[in-house]
Protein backbone atom coordinates (compact mmCIF):
# COMPACT_ATOMS: atom_id res chain seq x y z
CA MET A 1 12.53 -24.81 -32.22
CA ILE A 2 10.41 -26.00 -29.25
CA ASN A 3 8.92 -22.43 -28.19
CA LEU A 4 8.16 -21.98 -31.63
CA GLY A 5 6.03 -25.59 -31.32
CA HIS A 6 4.37 -24.46 -27.98
CA LYS A 7 3.54 -21.11 -29.32
CA ILE A 8 1.76 -22.85 -32.24
CA LYS A 9 -0.26 -25.46 -30.35
CA GLU A 10 -1.28 -22.15 -27.99
CA THR A 11 -2.40 -20.67 -30.85
CA TRP A 12 -4.46 -23.05 -32.66
CA VAL A 13 -6.22 -24.75 -29.74
CA LYS A 14 -6.28 -21.44 -27.52
CA LEU A 15 -4.88 -23.42 -24.22
CA PRO A 16 -1.93 -21.56 -22.18
CA GLU A 17 1.76 -23.40 -22.36
CA GLU A 18 1.10 -25.47 -19.17
CA TYR A 19 -0.82 -27.59 -20.82
CA PHE A 20 2.09 -28.88 -23.34
CA THR A 21 4.61 -29.03 -20.74
CA PRO A 22 5.52 -32.82 -19.59
CA LEU A 23 4.61 -34.55 -16.34
CA THR A 24 7.17 -35.53 -14.23
CA PHE A 25 6.63 -38.60 -11.26
CA GLY A 26 7.82 -36.41 -8.95
CA GLU A 27 4.71 -34.41 -9.56
CA LEU A 28 2.35 -36.97 -9.10
CA PRO A 29 0.66 -37.18 -5.88
CA ILE A 30 0.79 -40.15 -3.66
CA GLY A 31 -1.66 -42.49 -4.91
CA GLN A 32 -2.07 -41.54 -8.43
CA LYS A 33 -2.13 -44.06 -11.18
CA PHE A 34 0.19 -43.43 -14.13
CA ILE A 35 2.06 -44.87 -17.13
CA VAL A 36 5.85 -44.25 -18.00
CA LEU A 37 6.60 -42.51 -21.38
CA PRO A 38 8.99 -44.77 -23.28
CA GLU A 39 12.70 -42.97 -23.55
CA PRO A 40 15.22 -43.63 -26.32
CA GLY A 41 17.58 -46.40 -25.77
CA ASP A 42 17.07 -49.87 -23.84
CA ASN A 43 13.98 -50.08 -22.19
CA GLN A 44 14.31 -53.24 -20.61
CA GLY A 45 10.98 -54.77 -22.11
CA GLN A 46 9.40 -51.54 -21.74
CA GLY A 47 7.77 -51.94 -25.21
CA GLY A 48 7.97 -48.61 -26.44
CA PHE A 49 5.16 -46.50 -27.84
CA ARG A 50 3.75 -49.52 -30.17
CA GLN A 51 3.21 -51.73 -27.21
CA ALA A 52 0.87 -52.00 -24.16
CA ASN A 53 1.75 -49.88 -21.26
CA TYR A 54 2.03 -50.98 -17.90
CA LEU A 55 -0.08 -49.10 -14.99
CA PHE A 56 1.76 -47.97 -11.79
CA ILE A 57 0.89 -45.99 -8.47
CA LYS A 58 2.75 -43.77 -6.80
CA THR A 59 3.09 -45.33 -3.15
CA GLY A 60 5.44 -42.87 -1.77
CA GLU A 61 8.96 -44.05 -0.62
CA ASP A 62 9.11 -47.36 1.15
CA ASN A 63 12.11 -47.77 3.15
CA ASN A 64 12.00 -51.34 4.16
CA ASP A 65 15.46 -52.45 5.02
CA SER A 66 14.88 -55.43 2.67
CA PHE A 67 15.73 -53.10 -0.35
CA GLU A 68 18.98 -51.52 -1.38
CA GLU A 69 17.34 -48.31 -2.23
CA PRO A 70 13.63 -46.74 -1.56
CA ARG A 71 10.60 -48.20 -3.83
CA ASN A 72 8.04 -45.56 -4.67
CA ALA A 73 5.58 -47.50 -7.13
CA VAL A 74 3.82 -50.77 -7.58
CA ASN A 75 2.99 -52.24 -11.30
CA LEU A 76 -0.70 -52.71 -10.97
CA ASN A 77 -0.33 -55.39 -14.01
CA THR A 78 2.52 -57.53 -12.23
CA GLY A 79 2.85 -56.68 -8.78
CA ALA A 80 6.24 -55.79 -9.20
CA ILE A 81 7.80 -52.78 -6.92
CA GLY A 82 9.94 -50.06 -8.50
CA ASN A 83 11.87 -47.15 -7.85
CA PHE A 84 11.06 -44.04 -10.45
CA PRO A 85 13.08 -40.86 -10.63
CA ASP A 86 11.37 -37.86 -9.78
CA ASN A 87 12.18 -36.32 -13.61
CA LEU A 88 10.50 -39.31 -15.15
CA TYR A 89 8.07 -38.24 -17.78
CA VAL A 90 4.79 -40.02 -17.03
CA ILE A 91 0.87 -39.73 -18.10
CA ALA A 92 -1.26 -39.28 -15.19
CA ILE A 93 -4.30 -41.75 -15.56
CA TYR A 94 -7.44 -40.61 -13.86
CA GLU A 95 -10.76 -42.95 -13.57
C-alpha cells in the first residue's frame, strides 16, 4: 500500500520518490535546525501534531563526562540538550 501511495504522488506531482521519503536525524548535517515529527504513544509532553513544535539544532556528539550518554541536539526554545537516535523522523528547517 505504501508503494502505491508513492506512485500516486509521483504521477500527480511529477516528482521522484526520494521527495516522499522521510528524513531522519542521522541524515542531518551538524548545525542543521529541525523539528521532530510526533510518534504514536507517549511523547512525554511533545504535544503531537496539533501543538507547537520545539525547534532544535543538531550539535554532534558531546562526550562530556558529566552526561551518562552523548548529547547531540539543543532545544532552541528552552536551551535543554538531548540525545536523538539516528532513525528518528525529522523535518529540516531552512532559513
